[in-house]
C-alpha cells in the first residue's frame, strides 16, 4: 500500500481514514517492504501534508535506517525530502546515511 500513499501525495488528496489505516497496519509489514516501498511511503506522506503522527513517521524512518545497504540513492533521497517537508528531524537516519556514504 506504499504506492497508494505515494499516489495520494502526488494528487495531494488526504483521505483521513485511509491514512489512519496505513498508520495502524504498516508497522507490522515494514520488514516485508522493499526499501523502495518504504521510500514511497515516506515520500507520499510528505507530499500529502500528512495529518501527522510523528511517532509513526519516526518509526518508519528508523526502520529504513537499518536497511540502508539495500537502498538506491533514490530510496534515501525521497525520505530525506519527506522528513524535511514534514519538518520532522530524524538525527538517527541522518547519521546512518552519513555513515553509509562514508563506508
N, C-alpha and C. Protein backbone atom coordinates (compact mmCIF):
# COMPACT_ATOMS: atom_id res chain seq x y z
N UNK A 1 0.80 -1.21 0.00
CA UNK A 1 0.00 0.00 0.00
C UNK A 1 0.84 1.27 0.00
N UNK A 2 2.16 1.11 -0.03
CA UNK A 2 3.02 2.31 -0.05
C UNK A 2 2.80 3.13 -1.31
N UNK A 3 2.61 2.46 -2.44
CA UNK A 3 2.41 3.20 -3.69
C UNK A 3 1.07 3.93 -3.66
N UNK A 4 0.12 3.40 -2.92
CA UNK A 4 -1.17 4.09 -2.75
C UNK A 4 -0.99 5.40 -2.00
N UNK A 5 -0.19 5.37 -0.95
CA UNK A 5 0.10 6.60 -0.20
C UNK A 5 0.86 7.58 -1.08
N UNK A 6 1.81 7.07 -1.86
CA UNK A 6 2.53 7.93 -2.79
C UNK A 6 1.56 8.58 -3.78
N UNK A 7 0.62 7.80 -4.29
CA UNK A 7 -0.37 8.33 -5.24
C UNK A 7 -1.22 9.42 -4.60
N UNK A 8 -1.63 9.21 -3.35
CA UNK A 8 -2.38 10.25 -2.64
C UNK A 8 -1.55 11.52 -2.55
N UNK A 9 -0.26 11.35 -2.28
CA UNK A 9 0.62 12.51 -2.18
C UNK A 9 0.75 13.26 -3.49
N UNK A 10 0.93 12.51 -4.58
CA UNK A 10 1.06 13.15 -5.90
C UNK A 10 -0.19 13.95 -6.22
N UNK A 11 -1.34 13.40 -5.84
CA UNK A 11 -2.61 14.08 -6.10
C UNK A 11 -2.98 15.09 -5.03
N UNK A 12 -2.18 15.13 -3.95
CA UNK A 12 -2.46 15.99 -2.79
C UNK A 12 -3.88 15.77 -2.28
N UNK A 13 -4.22 14.50 -2.15
CA UNK A 13 -5.54 14.11 -1.67
C UNK A 13 -5.39 13.42 -0.32
N UNK A 14 -5.94 14.04 0.71
CA UNK A 14 -5.88 13.48 2.07
C UNK A 14 -7.15 12.72 2.37
N UNK A 15 -7.04 11.42 2.39
CA UNK A 15 -8.17 10.60 2.83
C UNK A 15 -7.82 10.13 4.23
N UNK A 16 -8.41 10.76 5.21
CA UNK A 16 -8.01 10.56 6.60
C UNK A 16 -8.17 9.10 7.06
N UNK A 17 -9.27 8.46 6.68
CA UNK A 17 -9.48 7.07 7.10
C UNK A 17 -8.43 6.15 6.49
N UNK A 18 -8.11 6.37 5.24
CA UNK A 18 -7.10 5.54 4.59
C UNK A 18 -5.73 5.75 5.22
N UNK A 19 -5.36 6.99 5.46
CA UNK A 19 -4.07 7.26 6.10
C UNK A 19 -4.03 6.71 7.53
N UNK A 20 -5.14 6.77 8.24
CA UNK A 20 -5.18 6.20 9.59
C UNK A 20 -5.00 4.69 9.53
N UNK A 21 -5.58 4.04 8.52
CA UNK A 21 -5.41 2.59 8.36
C UNK A 21 -3.96 2.24 8.07
N UNK A 22 -3.30 3.06 7.27
CA UNK A 22 -1.88 2.83 6.98
C UNK A 22 -1.06 2.92 8.26
N UNK A 23 -1.31 3.94 9.05
CA UNK A 23 -0.58 4.12 10.31
C UNK A 23 -0.79 2.90 11.22
N UNK A 24 -1.97 2.36 11.19
CA UNK A 24 -2.29 1.22 12.04
C UNK A 24 -1.62 -0.07 11.56
N UNK A 25 -1.62 -0.29 10.26
CA UNK A 25 -1.18 -1.59 9.72
C UNK A 25 0.24 -1.63 9.19
N UNK A 26 0.81 -0.53 8.81
CA UNK A 26 2.15 -0.55 8.21
C UNK A 26 3.25 -1.08 9.12
N UNK A 27 3.27 -0.73 10.40
CA UNK A 27 4.41 -1.20 11.21
C UNK A 27 4.63 -2.71 11.18
N UNK A 28 3.57 -3.48 11.14
CA UNK A 28 3.73 -4.93 11.17
C UNK A 28 4.25 -5.50 9.85
N UNK A 29 4.11 -4.77 8.76
CA UNK A 29 4.56 -5.29 7.46
C UNK A 29 5.83 -4.62 6.94
N UNK A 30 6.35 -3.64 7.65
CA UNK A 30 7.56 -2.96 7.19
C UNK A 30 8.71 -3.92 6.86
N UNK A 31 8.94 -4.96 7.64
CA UNK A 31 10.04 -5.87 7.30
C UNK A 31 9.87 -6.55 5.94
N UNK A 32 8.64 -6.65 5.46
CA UNK A 32 8.39 -7.26 4.14
C UNK A 32 8.45 -6.25 3.00
N UNK A 33 8.43 -4.97 3.33
CA UNK A 33 8.50 -3.93 2.30
C UNK A 33 9.91 -3.87 1.71
N UNK A 34 9.99 -3.58 0.43
CA UNK A 34 11.28 -3.25 -0.15
C UNK A 34 11.65 -1.85 0.34
N UNK A 35 12.91 -1.50 0.20
CA UNK A 35 13.30 -0.14 0.60
C UNK A 35 12.63 0.89 -0.31
N UNK A 36 12.34 0.53 -1.54
CA UNK A 36 11.62 1.44 -2.42
C UNK A 36 10.20 1.66 -1.89
N UNK A 37 9.56 0.61 -1.38
CA UNK A 37 8.23 0.76 -0.79
C UNK A 37 8.27 1.70 0.41
N UNK A 38 9.28 1.54 1.26
CA UNK A 38 9.41 2.40 2.44
C UNK A 38 9.65 3.84 2.00
N UNK A 39 10.49 4.02 1.01
CA UNK A 39 10.77 5.34 0.47
C UNK A 39 9.50 5.98 -0.08
N UNK A 40 8.74 5.22 -0.85
CA UNK A 40 7.48 5.74 -1.42
C UNK A 40 6.48 6.09 -0.33
N UNK A 41 6.42 5.28 0.71
CA UNK A 41 5.51 5.57 1.82
C UNK A 41 5.85 6.91 2.46
N UNK A 42 7.11 7.10 2.82
CA UNK A 42 7.51 8.36 3.45
C UNK A 42 7.36 9.54 2.49
N UNK A 43 7.75 9.34 1.25
CA UNK A 43 7.65 10.42 0.26
C UNK A 43 6.19 10.82 0.07
N UNK A 44 5.30 9.83 -0.03
CA UNK A 44 3.88 10.13 -0.19
C UNK A 44 3.32 10.89 1.00
N UNK A 45 3.72 10.49 2.20
CA UNK A 45 3.26 11.21 3.39
C UNK A 45 3.74 12.65 3.38
N UNK A 46 4.96 12.86 2.93
CA UNK A 46 5.49 14.21 2.84
C UNK A 46 4.75 15.05 1.82
N UNK A 47 4.39 14.44 0.71
CA UNK A 47 3.68 15.18 -0.35
C UNK A 47 2.24 15.53 0.04
N UNK A 48 1.59 14.63 0.75
CA UNK A 48 0.17 14.84 1.05
C UNK A 48 -0.04 15.79 2.22
N UNK A 49 1.04 16.16 2.90
CA UNK A 49 0.85 17.02 4.07
C UNK A 49 0.13 16.24 5.15
N UNK A 50 0.64 15.07 5.40
CA UNK A 50 0.09 14.08 6.33
C UNK A 50 -0.36 14.71 7.62
N UNK A 51 -1.59 14.35 8.07
CA UNK A 51 -2.06 14.72 9.41
C UNK A 51 -1.20 13.94 10.37
N UNK A 52 -0.23 14.57 10.85
CA UNK A 52 0.94 13.89 11.35
C UNK A 52 0.74 13.02 12.57
N UNK A 53 1.38 11.90 12.45
CA UNK A 53 1.63 11.02 13.58
C UNK A 53 3.15 10.89 13.57
N UNK A 54 3.81 11.84 14.23
CA UNK A 54 5.27 11.90 14.19
C UNK A 54 5.92 10.61 14.64
N UNK A 55 5.33 9.94 15.62
CA UNK A 55 5.91 8.68 16.11
C UNK A 55 5.90 7.63 15.00
N UNK A 56 4.85 7.60 14.20
CA UNK A 56 4.78 6.66 13.08
C UNK A 56 5.85 6.98 12.05
N UNK A 57 5.96 8.23 11.67
CA UNK A 57 6.96 8.65 10.68
C UNK A 57 8.36 8.32 11.20
N UNK A 58 8.63 8.60 12.45
CA UNK A 58 9.94 8.30 13.04
C UNK A 58 10.21 6.80 13.03
N UNK A 59 9.19 6.00 13.32
CA UNK A 59 9.34 4.55 13.32
C UNK A 59 9.70 4.05 11.91
N UNK A 60 9.00 4.54 10.91
CA UNK A 60 9.28 4.11 9.53
C UNK A 60 10.69 4.55 9.12
N UNK A 61 11.07 5.77 9.44
CA UNK A 61 12.41 6.26 9.11
C UNK A 61 13.49 5.47 9.85
N UNK A 62 13.23 5.13 11.09
CA UNK A 62 14.18 4.32 11.86
C UNK A 62 14.35 2.94 11.24
N UNK A 63 13.27 2.37 10.77
CA UNK A 63 13.35 1.07 10.10
C UNK A 63 14.20 1.19 8.83
N UNK A 64 13.96 2.23 8.07
CA UNK A 64 14.75 2.43 6.85
C UNK A 64 16.23 2.57 7.18
N UNK A 65 16.55 3.24 8.26
CA UNK A 65 17.94 3.44 8.66
C UNK A 65 18.67 2.11 8.87
N UNK A 66 17.94 1.08 9.25
CA UNK A 66 18.57 -0.23 9.46
C UNK A 66 18.78 -1.00 8.17
N UNK A 67 18.26 -0.47 7.06
CA UNK A 67 18.32 -1.19 5.78
C UNK A 67 18.98 -0.39 4.67
N UNK A 68 19.81 0.57 5.05
CA UNK A 68 20.43 1.43 4.04
C UNK A 68 21.27 0.68 3.03
N UNK A 69 21.86 -0.44 3.42
CA UNK A 69 22.68 -1.20 2.49
C UNK A 69 21.85 -1.74 1.32
N UNK A 70 20.54 -1.81 1.46
CA UNK A 70 19.64 -2.27 0.40
C UNK A 70 19.17 -1.13 -0.50
N UNK A 71 19.41 0.11 -0.09
CA UNK A 71 18.82 1.28 -0.74
C UNK A 71 19.55 1.73 -1.98
N UNK A 72 18.78 2.25 -2.91
CA UNK A 72 19.33 3.03 -4.01
C UNK A 72 19.45 4.47 -3.52
N UNK A 73 20.10 5.29 -4.31
CA UNK A 73 20.20 6.71 -3.95
C UNK A 73 18.80 7.34 -3.83
N UNK A 74 17.90 6.95 -4.71
CA UNK A 74 16.54 7.50 -4.68
C UNK A 74 15.80 7.05 -3.42
N UNK A 75 16.04 5.80 -2.99
CA UNK A 75 15.40 5.29 -1.77
C UNK A 75 15.81 6.09 -0.54
N UNK A 76 16.99 6.70 -0.60
CA UNK A 76 17.47 7.52 0.51
C UNK A 76 17.02 8.97 0.35
N UNK A 77 17.08 9.49 -0.85
CA UNK A 77 16.77 10.90 -1.07
C UNK A 77 15.29 11.22 -0.82
N UNK A 78 14.39 10.38 -1.27
CA UNK A 78 12.96 10.67 -1.10
C UNK A 78 12.55 10.79 0.37
N UNK A 79 12.95 9.86 1.23
CA UNK A 79 12.57 10.02 2.64
C UNK A 79 13.19 11.26 3.30
N UNK A 80 14.41 11.61 2.92
CA UNK A 80 15.03 12.82 3.48
C UNK A 80 14.18 14.03 3.08
N UNK A 81 13.79 14.09 1.82
CA UNK A 81 12.93 15.19 1.36
C UNK A 81 11.61 15.20 2.13
N UNK A 82 11.04 14.02 2.31
CA UNK A 82 9.75 13.92 3.02
C UNK A 82 9.87 14.40 4.46
N UNK A 83 10.91 13.97 5.14
CA UNK A 83 11.09 14.39 6.54
C UNK A 83 11.26 15.90 6.65
N UNK A 84 12.01 16.48 5.73
CA UNK A 84 12.20 17.92 5.76
C UNK A 84 10.90 18.65 5.42
N UNK A 85 10.15 18.10 4.48
CA UNK A 85 8.86 18.70 4.11
C UNK A 85 7.89 18.68 5.29
N UNK A 86 7.92 17.59 6.08
CA UNK A 86 7.04 17.47 7.24
C UNK A 86 7.63 18.12 8.48
N UNK A 87 8.86 18.63 8.37
CA UNK A 87 9.58 19.25 9.48
C UNK A 87 9.68 18.26 10.66
N UNK A 88 10.11 17.07 10.32
CA UNK A 88 10.35 16.03 11.33
C UNK A 88 11.82 15.65 11.24
N UNK A 89 12.67 16.26 12.05
CA UNK A 89 14.08 15.90 12.01
C UNK A 89 14.30 14.50 12.57
N UNK A 90 15.19 13.75 11.93
CA UNK A 90 15.49 12.40 12.39
C UNK A 90 17.00 12.23 12.36
N UNK A 91 17.64 12.62 13.46
CA UNK A 91 19.10 12.57 13.52
C UNK A 91 19.64 11.17 13.32
N UNK A 92 18.92 10.17 13.81
CA UNK A 92 19.38 8.79 13.65
C UNK A 92 19.50 8.39 12.19
N UNK A 93 18.50 8.76 11.40
CA UNK A 93 18.55 8.46 9.96
C UNK A 93 19.68 9.24 9.30
N UNK A 94 19.82 10.50 9.64
CA UNK A 94 20.87 11.32 9.02
C UNK A 94 22.26 10.80 9.36
N UNK A 95 22.47 10.40 10.61
CA UNK A 95 23.76 9.83 11.00
C UNK A 95 24.01 8.51 10.28
N UNK A 96 22.95 7.69 10.16
CA UNK A 96 23.10 6.41 9.46
C UNK A 96 23.44 6.63 7.99
N UNK A 97 22.81 7.62 7.37
CA UNK A 97 23.11 7.93 5.96
C UNK A 97 24.55 8.40 5.83
N UNK A 98 24.99 9.27 6.72
CA UNK A 98 26.37 9.76 6.68
C UNK A 98 27.36 8.60 6.82
N UNK A 99 27.08 7.69 7.75
CA UNK A 99 27.98 6.53 7.93
C UNK A 99 27.95 5.63 6.70
N UNK A 100 26.77 5.46 6.12
CA UNK A 100 26.63 4.64 4.92
C UNK A 100 27.42 5.23 3.76
N UNK A 101 27.35 6.53 3.60
CA UNK A 101 28.05 7.20 2.50
C UNK A 101 29.55 7.14 2.64
N UNK A 102 30.03 7.10 3.86
CA UNK A 102 31.48 7.13 4.08
C UNK A 102 32.08 5.75 4.31
N UNK A 103 31.24 4.71 4.23
CA UNK A 103 31.76 3.35 4.46
C UNK A 103 32.24 2.68 3.17
